[in-house]
Amino acid sequence: MPGLEITGILALAALGWLWFDSLKAREAAVDAARAACASEGLLLLDATVAISSVKLARGEDGRLRLQRVYDFEYSDTGDNRLRGSVVMHGHRVAVLNVGLRPVPPRRTLH
């Protein structure tokens, strides 16, 4: 029985580490989304991000890390909701996407 108890405690410790590490990565993703929206003159809606996927991926240094993808919504006019995403490798932002905004049509007088 002690082997089973030790395994259970190690599993709980690993889950606790994953949860705490995910909280820190989520905070970094919120900060990155907020900064990107502020620099582009956009409004970050709900002031939060939502986890979309978690998987193992190699970083720029070739090491395996957890890759988390977070989705968020922003608005450019205040009347619409557009989707953006943040890809995190560990606690570092790998890709930040605020989507494509439609280009207003050119008006001509003739």
N, C-alpha and C. Protein backbone atom coordinates (compact mmCIF):
# COMPACT_ATOMS: atom_id res chain seq x y z
N MET A 1 0.78 -1.21 0.00
CA MET A 1 0.00 0.00 0.00
C MET A 1 0.83 1.28 0.00
N PRO A 2 2.00 1.33 0.65
CA PRO A 2 2.75 2.58 0.65
C PRO A 2 3.14 3.03 -0.77
N GLY A 3 3.39 2.09 -1.67
CA GLY A 3 3.74 2.46 -3.05
C GLY A 3 2.59 3.16 -3.74
N LEU A 4 1.37 2.69 -3.51
CA LEU A 4 0.19 3.30 -4.10
C LEU A 4 -0.05 4.69 -3.52
N GLU A 5 0.17 4.84 -2.24
CA GLU A 5 -0.01 6.15 -1.60
C GLU A 5 1.02 7.15 -2.11
N ILE A 6 2.25 6.71 -2.26
CA ILE A 6 3.30 7.60 -2.78
C ILE A 6 2.97 8.01 -4.21
N THR A 7 2.52 7.06 -5.01
CA THR A 7 2.13 7.38 -6.39
C THR A 7 0.99 8.39 -6.41
N GLY A 8 0.02 8.23 -5.54
CA GLY A 8 -1.09 9.17 -5.46
C GLY A 8 -0.65 10.56 -5.05
N ILE A 9 0.25 10.63 -4.09
CA ILE A 9 0.75 11.93 -3.64
C ILE A 9 1.55 12.60 -4.76
N LEU A 10 2.36 11.83 -5.47
CA LEU A 10 3.13 12.39 -6.60
C LEU A 10 2.20 12.88 -7.71
N ALA A 11 1.13 12.13 -7.99
CA ALA A 11 0.17 12.56 -9.01
C ALA A 11 -0.52 13.85 -8.59
N LEU A 12 -0.91 13.96 -7.33
CA LEU A 12 -1.53 15.19 -6.84
C LEU A 12 -0.56 16.36 -6.90
N ALA A 13 0.71 16.11 -6.57
CA ALA A 13 1.72 17.17 -6.65
C ALA A 13 1.91 17.63 -8.10
N ALA A 14 1.91 16.69 -9.04
CA ALA A 14 2.06 17.05 -10.46
C ALA A 14 0.86 17.86 -10.94
N LEU A 15 -0.33 17.48 -10.53
CA LEU A 15 -1.54 18.24 -10.91
C LEU A 15 -1.50 19.64 -10.29
N GLY A 16 -1.05 19.75 -9.05
CA GLY A 16 -0.93 21.05 -8.41
C GLY A 16 0.07 21.94 -9.12
N TRP A 17 1.22 21.36 -9.53
CA TRP A 17 2.21 22.12 -10.27
C TRP A 17 1.64 22.59 -11.61
N LEU A 18 0.93 21.71 -12.32
CA LEU A 18 0.34 22.07 -13.62
C LEU A 18 -0.66 23.20 -13.45
N TRP A 19 -1.48 23.12 -12.42
CA TRP A 19 -2.48 24.17 -12.18
C TRP A 19 -1.80 25.50 -11.89
N PHE A 20 -0.81 25.52 -10.99
CA PHE A 20 -0.11 26.75 -10.64
C PHE A 20 0.65 27.32 -11.83
N ASP A 21 1.30 26.46 -12.60
CA ASP A 21 2.04 26.90 -13.79
C ASP A 21 1.08 27.47 -14.83
N SER A 22 -0.09 26.88 -14.98
CA SER A 22 -1.09 27.37 -15.93
C SER A 22 -1.63 28.74 -15.51
N LEU A 23 -1.77 28.97 -14.22
CA LEU A 23 -2.21 30.28 -13.75
C LEU A 23 -1.19 31.36 -14.11
N LYS A 24 0.09 31.06 -13.93
CA LYS A 24 1.13 32.03 -14.27
C LYS A 24 1.18 32.29 -15.78
N ALA A 25 1.01 31.24 -16.59
CA ALA A 25 1.01 31.41 -18.04
C ALA A 25 -0.22 32.21 -18.48
N ARG A 26 -1.36 31.99 -17.84
CA ARG A 26 -2.58 32.72 -18.17
C ARG A 26 -2.42 34.20 -17.86
N GLU A 27 -1.80 34.52 -16.73
CA GLU A 27 -1.55 35.92 -16.38
C GLU A 27 -0.67 36.59 -17.43
N ALA A 28 0.35 35.88 -17.90
CA ALA A 28 1.22 36.43 -18.94
C ALA A 28 0.45 36.63 -20.24
N ALA A 29 -0.46 35.71 -20.56
CA ALA A 29 -1.26 35.84 -21.78
C ALA A 29 -2.22 37.02 -21.69
N VAL A 30 -2.83 37.24 -20.54
CA VAL A 30 -3.72 38.39 -20.35
C VAL A 30 -2.93 39.69 -20.51
N ASP A 31 -1.75 39.75 -19.91
CA ASP A 31 -0.91 40.95 -20.03
C ASP A 31 -0.52 41.21 -21.48
N ALA A 32 -0.19 40.15 -22.21
CA ALA A 32 0.20 40.31 -23.62
C ALA A 32 -0.99 40.76 -24.46
N ALA A 33 -2.16 40.19 -24.24
CA ALA A 33 -3.36 40.58 -24.99
C ALA A 33 -3.73 42.02 -24.67
N ARG A 34 -3.65 42.40 -23.41
CA ARG A 34 -3.97 43.77 -23.00
C ARG A 34 -3.01 44.76 -23.64
N ALA A 35 -1.72 44.45 -23.64
CA ALA A 35 -0.72 45.35 -24.23
C ALA A 35 -0.91 45.46 -25.74
N ALA A 36 -1.20 44.34 -26.41
CA ALA A 36 -1.40 44.37 -27.86
C ALA A 36 -2.62 45.19 -28.22
N CYS A 37 -3.70 45.02 -27.47
CA CYS A 37 -4.92 45.80 -27.75
C CYS A 37 -4.68 47.28 -27.49
N ALA A 38 -3.97 47.60 -26.42
CA ALA A 38 -3.69 49.00 -26.12
C ALA A 38 -2.82 49.64 -27.20
N SER A 39 -1.83 48.92 -27.70
CA SER A 39 -0.94 49.49 -28.72
C SER A 39 -1.62 49.66 -30.06
N GLU A 40 -2.65 48.85 -30.33
CA GLU A 40 -3.38 48.96 -31.60
C GLU A 40 -4.64 49.81 -31.49
N GLY A 41 -4.93 50.33 -30.30
CA GLY A 41 -6.12 51.14 -30.11
C GLY A 41 -7.39 50.31 -30.07
N LEU A 42 -7.29 49.07 -29.60
CA LEU A 42 -8.44 48.17 -29.54
C LEU A 42 -8.89 48.02 -28.09
N LEU A 43 -10.09 47.52 -27.91
CA LEU A 43 -10.65 47.31 -26.59
C LEU A 43 -10.67 45.81 -26.29
N LEU A 44 -9.95 45.38 -25.27
CA LEU A 44 -9.96 43.98 -24.85
C LEU A 44 -11.25 43.73 -24.09
N LEU A 45 -12.10 42.89 -24.63
CA LEU A 45 -13.40 42.62 -24.02
C LEU A 45 -13.28 41.59 -22.91
N ASP A 46 -14.02 41.77 -21.86
CA ASP A 46 -14.05 40.88 -20.70
C ASP A 46 -12.73 40.85 -19.95
N ALA A 47 -11.70 41.53 -20.43
CA ALA A 47 -10.39 41.63 -19.78
C ALA A 47 -9.82 40.28 -19.38
N THR A 48 -10.04 39.27 -20.20
CA THR A 48 -9.54 37.94 -19.87
C THR A 48 -9.29 37.12 -21.12
N VAL A 49 -8.66 35.98 -20.94
CA VAL A 49 -8.41 35.03 -22.02
C VAL A 49 -8.98 33.68 -21.59
N ALA A 50 -9.25 32.82 -22.57
CA ALA A 50 -9.78 31.48 -22.29
C ALA A 50 -8.87 30.45 -22.96
N ILE A 51 -8.57 29.39 -22.22
CA ILE A 51 -7.68 28.35 -22.76
C ILE A 51 -8.37 27.63 -23.91
N SER A 52 -7.63 27.43 -24.98
CA SER A 52 -8.16 26.75 -26.15
C SER A 52 -7.54 25.37 -26.31
N SER A 53 -6.22 25.27 -26.08
CA SER A 53 -5.57 23.96 -26.18
C SER A 53 -4.27 23.96 -25.38
N VAL A 54 -3.87 22.75 -24.99
CA VAL A 54 -2.61 22.53 -24.29
C VAL A 54 -1.95 21.31 -24.91
N LYS A 55 -0.68 21.45 -25.28
CA LYS A 55 0.04 20.30 -25.83
C LYS A 55 1.54 20.51 -25.63
N LEU A 56 2.30 19.48 -25.86
CA LEU A 56 3.75 19.59 -25.81
C LEU A 56 4.26 20.06 -27.18
N ALA A 57 5.19 21.01 -27.16
CA ALA A 57 5.78 21.51 -28.40
C ALA A 57 7.21 21.94 -28.10
N ARG A 58 8.01 21.98 -29.13
CA ARG A 58 9.40 22.41 -28.98
C ARG A 58 9.49 23.92 -29.13
N GLY A 59 10.24 24.54 -28.23
CA GLY A 59 10.47 25.98 -28.30
C GLY A 59 11.59 26.30 -29.27
N GLU A 60 11.98 27.56 -29.31
CA GLU A 60 13.06 27.99 -30.20
C GLU A 60 14.39 27.33 -29.85
N ASP A 61 14.55 26.99 -28.58
CA ASP A 61 15.79 26.35 -28.15
C ASP A 61 15.77 24.83 -28.34
N GLY A 62 14.68 24.29 -28.86
CA GLY A 62 14.59 22.87 -29.13
C GLY A 62 14.10 22.03 -27.96
N ARG A 63 13.84 22.65 -26.83
CA ARG A 63 13.37 21.91 -25.65
C ARG A 63 11.87 21.75 -25.68
N LEU A 64 11.40 20.64 -25.14
CA LEU A 64 9.96 20.41 -25.03
C LEU A 64 9.38 21.28 -23.93
N ARG A 65 8.30 21.95 -24.26
CA ARG A 65 7.60 22.81 -23.31
C ARG A 65 6.10 22.64 -23.52
N LEU A 66 5.35 23.07 -22.54
CA LEU A 66 3.91 23.10 -22.71
C LEU A 66 3.55 24.28 -23.59
N GLN A 67 2.79 24.01 -24.64
CA GLN A 67 2.29 25.08 -25.50
C GLN A 67 0.82 25.25 -25.18
N ARG A 68 0.47 26.45 -24.75
CA ARG A 68 -0.92 26.75 -24.43
C ARG A 68 -1.42 27.79 -25.42
N VAL A 69 -2.62 27.60 -25.91
CA VAL A 69 -3.24 28.57 -26.81
C VAL A 69 -4.44 29.16 -26.08
N TYR A 70 -4.46 30.48 -25.97
CA TYR A 70 -5.54 31.20 -25.32
C TYR A 70 -6.27 32.04 -26.35
N ASP A 71 -7.59 32.05 -26.28
CA ASP A 71 -8.42 32.90 -27.14
C ASP A 71 -8.93 34.07 -26.33
N PHE A 72 -9.13 35.20 -26.99
CA PHE A 72 -9.74 36.35 -26.35
C PHE A 72 -10.56 37.10 -27.38
N GLU A 73 -11.39 38.00 -26.91
CA GLU A 73 -12.21 38.81 -27.80
C GLU A 73 -11.86 40.27 -27.60
N TYR A 74 -11.89 41.01 -28.69
CA TYR A 74 -11.60 42.43 -28.67
C TYR A 74 -12.55 43.14 -29.60
N SER A 75 -12.59 44.44 -29.52
CA SER A 75 -13.46 45.24 -30.38
C SER A 75 -12.67 46.42 -30.91
N ASP A 76 -12.93 46.76 -32.16
CA ASP A 76 -12.28 47.93 -32.74
C ASP A 76 -13.23 49.13 -32.78
N THR A 77 -14.53 48.88 -32.70
CA THR A 77 -15.51 49.95 -32.74
C THR A 77 -16.32 50.06 -31.46
N GLY A 78 -16.33 49.04 -30.65
CA GLY A 78 -17.16 49.01 -29.45
C GLY A 78 -18.49 48.33 -29.69
N ASP A 79 -18.84 48.08 -30.96
CA ASP A 79 -20.12 47.45 -31.30
C ASP A 79 -19.97 46.02 -31.78
N ASN A 80 -18.76 45.55 -31.91
CA ASN A 80 -18.56 44.20 -32.46
C ASN A 80 -17.61 43.41 -31.57
N ARG A 81 -17.56 42.12 -31.83
CA ARG A 81 -16.65 41.23 -31.10
C ARG A 81 -15.80 40.49 -32.13
N LEU A 82 -14.49 40.65 -32.03
CA LEU A 82 -13.56 39.97 -32.91
C LEU A 82 -12.69 39.05 -32.08
N ARG A 83 -12.21 37.97 -32.70
CA ARG A 83 -11.41 36.97 -31.98
C ARG A 83 -9.93 37.20 -32.19
N GLY A 84 -9.19 36.98 -31.12
CA GLY A 84 -7.74 37.01 -31.17
C GLY A 84 -7.22 35.80 -30.41
N SER A 85 -5.92 35.56 -30.50
CA SER A 85 -5.35 34.42 -29.78
C SER A 85 -3.91 34.72 -29.38
N VAL A 86 -3.48 34.03 -28.33
CA VAL A 86 -2.11 34.12 -27.83
C VAL A 86 -1.60 32.70 -27.71
N VAL A 87 -0.45 32.42 -28.32
CA VAL A 87 0.20 31.11 -28.18
C VAL A 87 1.38 31.30 -27.24
N MET A 88 1.38 30.53 -26.17
CA MET A 88 2.42 30.62 -25.15
C MET A 88 3.28 29.36 -25.18
N HIS A 89 4.59 29.52 -25.16
CA HIS A 89 5.52 28.40 -24.95
C HIS A 89 6.07 28.60 -23.55
N GLY A 90 5.60 27.80 -22.63
CA GLY A 90 5.94 28.04 -21.23
C GLY A 90 5.26 29.30 -20.78
N HIS A 91 6.04 30.29 -20.33
CA HIS A 91 5.48 31.57 -19.92
C HIS A 91 5.86 32.68 -20.91
N ARG A 92 6.34 32.29 -22.07
CA ARG A 92 6.78 33.25 -23.08
C ARG A 92 5.78 33.27 -24.23
N VAL A 93 5.47 34.47 -24.70
CA VAL A 93 4.56 34.62 -25.84
C VAL A 93 5.28 34.23 -27.11
N ALA A 94 4.73 33.25 -27.82
CA ALA A 94 5.32 32.82 -29.10
C ALA A 94 4.64 33.52 -30.26
N VAL A 95 3.31 33.59 -30.24
CA VAL A 95 2.53 34.23 -31.30
C VAL A 95 1.36 34.96 -30.67
N LEU A 96 1.13 36.18 -31.13
CA LEU A 96 -0.04 36.94 -30.69
C LEU A 96 -0.78 37.39 -31.94
N ASN A 97 -2.04 37.02 -32.04
CA ASN A 97 -2.83 37.30 -33.23
C ASN A 97 -4.05 38.12 -32.82
N VAL A 98 -4.16 39.32 -33.38
CA VAL A 98 -5.36 40.12 -33.14
C VAL A 98 -6.28 40.09 -34.35
N GLY A 99 -6.04 39.16 -35.26
CA GLY A 99 -6.95 38.94 -36.38
C GLY A 99 -6.84 40.00 -37.46
N LEU A 100 -7.56 39.76 -38.49
CA LEU A 100 -7.60 40.70 -39.61
C LEU A 100 -8.83 41.58 -39.47
N ARG A 101 -8.61 42.86 -39.52
CA ARG A 101 -9.73 43.79 -39.49
C ARG A 101 -10.10 44.13 -40.92
N PRO A 102 -11.39 44.19 -41.21
CA PRO A 102 -11.78 44.52 -42.59
C PRO A 102 -11.36 45.94 -42.96
N VAL A 103 -10.91 46.09 -44.19
CA VAL A 103 -10.51 47.39 -44.70
C VAL A 103 -11.76 48.09 -45.19
N PRO A 104 -12.00 49.32 -44.77
CA PRO A 104 -13.21 50.02 -45.24
C PRO A 104 -13.12 50.27 -46.75
N PRO A 105 -14.25 50.18 -47.44
CA PRO A 105 -14.22 50.38 -48.89
C PRO A 105 -13.87 51.84 -49.22
N ARG A 106 -13.16 51.99 -50.34
CA ARG A 106 -12.80 53.34 -50.79
C ARG A 106 -14.00 53.97 -51.48
N ARG A 107 -14.25 55.21 -51.14
CA ARG A 107 -15.36 55.92 -51.77
C ARG A 107 -14.84 56.72 -52.95
N THR A 108 -15.60 56.66 -53.98
CA THR A 108 -15.26 57.49 -55.16
C THR A 108 -16.43 58.40 -55.47
N LEU A 109 -16.16 59.49 -56.08
CA LEU A 109 -17.22 60.46 -56.40
C LEU A 109 -17.80 60.26 -57.77
N HIS A 110 -17.29 59.37 -58.56
CA HIS A 110 -17.85 59.15 -59.90
C HIS A 110 -18.25 57.75 -60.12
